[in-house]
Amino acid sequence: MSSHANVMVTLSKKEHRARSLSSEEKAEMLGEGVIDDCGVLRREWRDLFVRYPERFMFATDAHKSFRWAKYEAIVERWRLILGQLPEPLAQSLAWRNAERVYGMAR
C-alpha cells in the first residue's frame, strides 16, 4: 500500500478466511481474514487500518441474491469488528472513506 497511494481496499468478504473458494490455493493467496475464530480483530489488520485509515472501506458485496440473504449477519459482524477500533477510525472504515471516494455527503 505504501507503493501505491491511490489504492483503496474494500473489506467485503474479508471478515473470515475465504473457505468457499474453488481451491485452497486461492484461499492462501487471499490470506487470513480480518478476525480470528473468536471474532477478535487480528493485530496485523488493525495495524494496517491504523497506518492507512483513509484507504479501507466497509463493503457487503451484496450483488447476488444469496448475499442479500446474509446481509443482516454481515453488517452485524462488521459492527462488532469496527467496535474494536477507536471511533474515528471505525467511522472512516464504515462510511467516511466511501463518502470521500464517491463524493457523497451524508
Protein backbone atom coordinates (compact mmCIF):
# COMPACT_ATOMS: atom_id res chain seq x y z
CA MET A 1 0.00 0.00 0.00
CA SER A 2 2.90 2.31 0.63
CA SER A 3 3.93 1.97 -3.02
CA HIS A 4 0.53 2.89 -4.46
CA ALA A 5 -1.11 5.88 -2.79
CA ASN A 6 -4.24 5.64 -4.95
CA VAL A 7 -5.18 2.06 -3.98
CA MET A 8 -8.33 1.61 -1.91
CA VAL A 9 -9.35 -1.66 -0.26
CA THR A 10 -12.94 -2.76 0.14
CA LEU A 11 -13.34 -5.15 3.03
CA SER A 12 -16.09 -7.28 1.55
CA LYS A 13 -15.69 -10.97 2.31
CA LYS A 14 -12.56 -10.37 4.41
CA GLU A 15 -14.21 -10.85 7.79
CA HIS A 16 -13.29 -14.54 7.71
CA ARG A 17 -10.70 -16.51 5.86
CA ALA A 18 -12.16 -17.43 2.48
CA ARG A 19 -13.06 -21.09 2.72
CA SER A 20 -15.63 -21.24 -0.05
CA LEU A 21 -13.22 -20.54 -2.88
CA SER A 22 -12.73 -23.15 -5.56
CA SER A 23 -9.24 -24.05 -4.40
CA GLU A 24 -7.11 -23.89 -1.28
CA GLU A 25 -4.51 -22.08 -3.38
CA LYS A 26 -6.89 -19.12 -3.87
CA ALA A 27 -7.60 -19.06 -0.15
CA GLU A 28 -3.88 -18.98 0.57
CA MET A 29 -3.40 -16.08 -1.85
CA LEU A 30 -6.08 -14.05 -0.06
CA GLY A 31 -4.59 -14.72 3.38
CA GLU A 32 -6.18 -14.60 6.79
CA GLY A 33 -9.46 -12.89 7.46
CA VAL A 34 -9.75 -9.67 9.44
CA ILE A 35 -10.83 -11.55 12.58
CA ASP A 36 -9.71 -14.76 14.20
CA ASP A 37 -12.01 -17.68 15.03
CA CYS A 38 -13.10 -15.91 18.24
CA GLY A 39 -14.13 -12.71 16.42
CA VAL A 40 -11.11 -10.70 17.57
CA LEU A 41 -9.60 -8.28 15.08
CA ARG A 42 -6.18 -9.57 14.03
CA ARG A 43 -3.28 -7.36 15.06
CA GLU A 44 -1.84 -7.18 11.53
CA TRP A 45 -5.15 -5.90 10.16
CA ARG A 46 -5.53 -3.40 13.00
CA ASP A 47 -2.02 -2.16 12.22
CA LEU A 48 -2.92 -1.70 8.54
CA PHE A 49 -6.11 0.17 9.44
CA VAL A 50 -4.16 2.47 11.77
CA ARG A 51 -1.38 3.04 9.25
CA TYR A 52 -3.71 3.64 6.29
CA PRO A 53 -7.01 4.85 7.80
CA GLU A 54 -8.06 6.59 4.58
CA ARG A 55 -7.55 3.53 2.36
CA PHE A 56 -10.12 0.98 3.60
CA MET A 57 -13.88 0.83 3.09
CA PHE A 58 -16.52 -1.45 4.52
CA ALA A 59 -18.43 -3.30 1.82
CA THR A 60 -21.02 -6.07 1.78
CA ASP A 61 -20.61 -7.32 -1.79
CA ALA A 62 -24.36 -7.97 -1.93
CA HIS A 63 -24.57 -8.20 -5.70
CA LYS A 64 -26.03 -11.72 -5.68
CA SER A 65 -29.29 -12.81 -4.10
CA PHE A 66 -27.66 -15.29 -1.71
CA ARG A 67 -25.52 -12.47 -0.28
CA TRP A 68 -28.65 -10.38 0.39
CA ALA A 69 -29.96 -13.28 2.46
CA LYS A 70 -26.84 -12.91 4.64
CA TYR A 71 -26.80 -9.10 4.63
CA GLU A 72 -28.01 -8.56 8.20
CA ALA A 73 -25.46 -11.03 9.61
CA ILE A 74 -22.64 -9.47 7.55
CA VAL A 75 -23.47 -5.97 8.78
CA GLU A 76 -23.75 -7.15 12.39
CA ARG A 77 -20.37 -8.91 12.17
CA TRP A 78 -18.77 -5.74 10.80
CA ARG A 79 -20.32 -3.68 13.58
CA LEU A 80 -18.59 -5.99 16.07
CA ILE A 81 -15.32 -5.72 14.16
CA LEU A 82 -15.49 -1.93 13.87
CA GLY A 83 -16.42 -1.76 17.56
CA GLN A 84 -12.91 -2.99 18.33
CA LEU A 85 -11.41 0.16 16.82
CA PRO A 86 -11.30 3.75 18.10
CA GLU A 87 -14.48 5.51 16.95
CA PRO A 88 -12.85 7.94 14.46
CA LEU A 89 -11.05 5.05 12.74
CA ALA A 90 -14.19 2.89 12.74
CA GLN A 91 -16.17 5.73 11.17
CA SER A 92 -13.53 6.13 8.46
CA LEU A 93 -13.80 2.48 7.51
CA ALA A 94 -17.57 2.30 7.93
CA TRP A 95 -18.61 5.34 5.85
CA ARG A 96 -16.33 8.39 5.81
CA ASN A 97 -13.88 6.97 3.27
CA ALA A 98 -16.69 5.91 0.96
CA GLU A 99 -18.22 9.37 1.24
CA ARG A 100 -14.91 10.91 0.21
CA VAL A 101 -14.16 8.46 -2.62
CA TYR A 102 -17.65 8.58 -4.12
CA GLY A 103 -18.25 12.28 -3.46
CA MET A 104 -21.37 11.62 -1.40
CA ALA A 105 -22.37 13.75 1.55
CA ARG A 106 -24.15 12.03 4.40
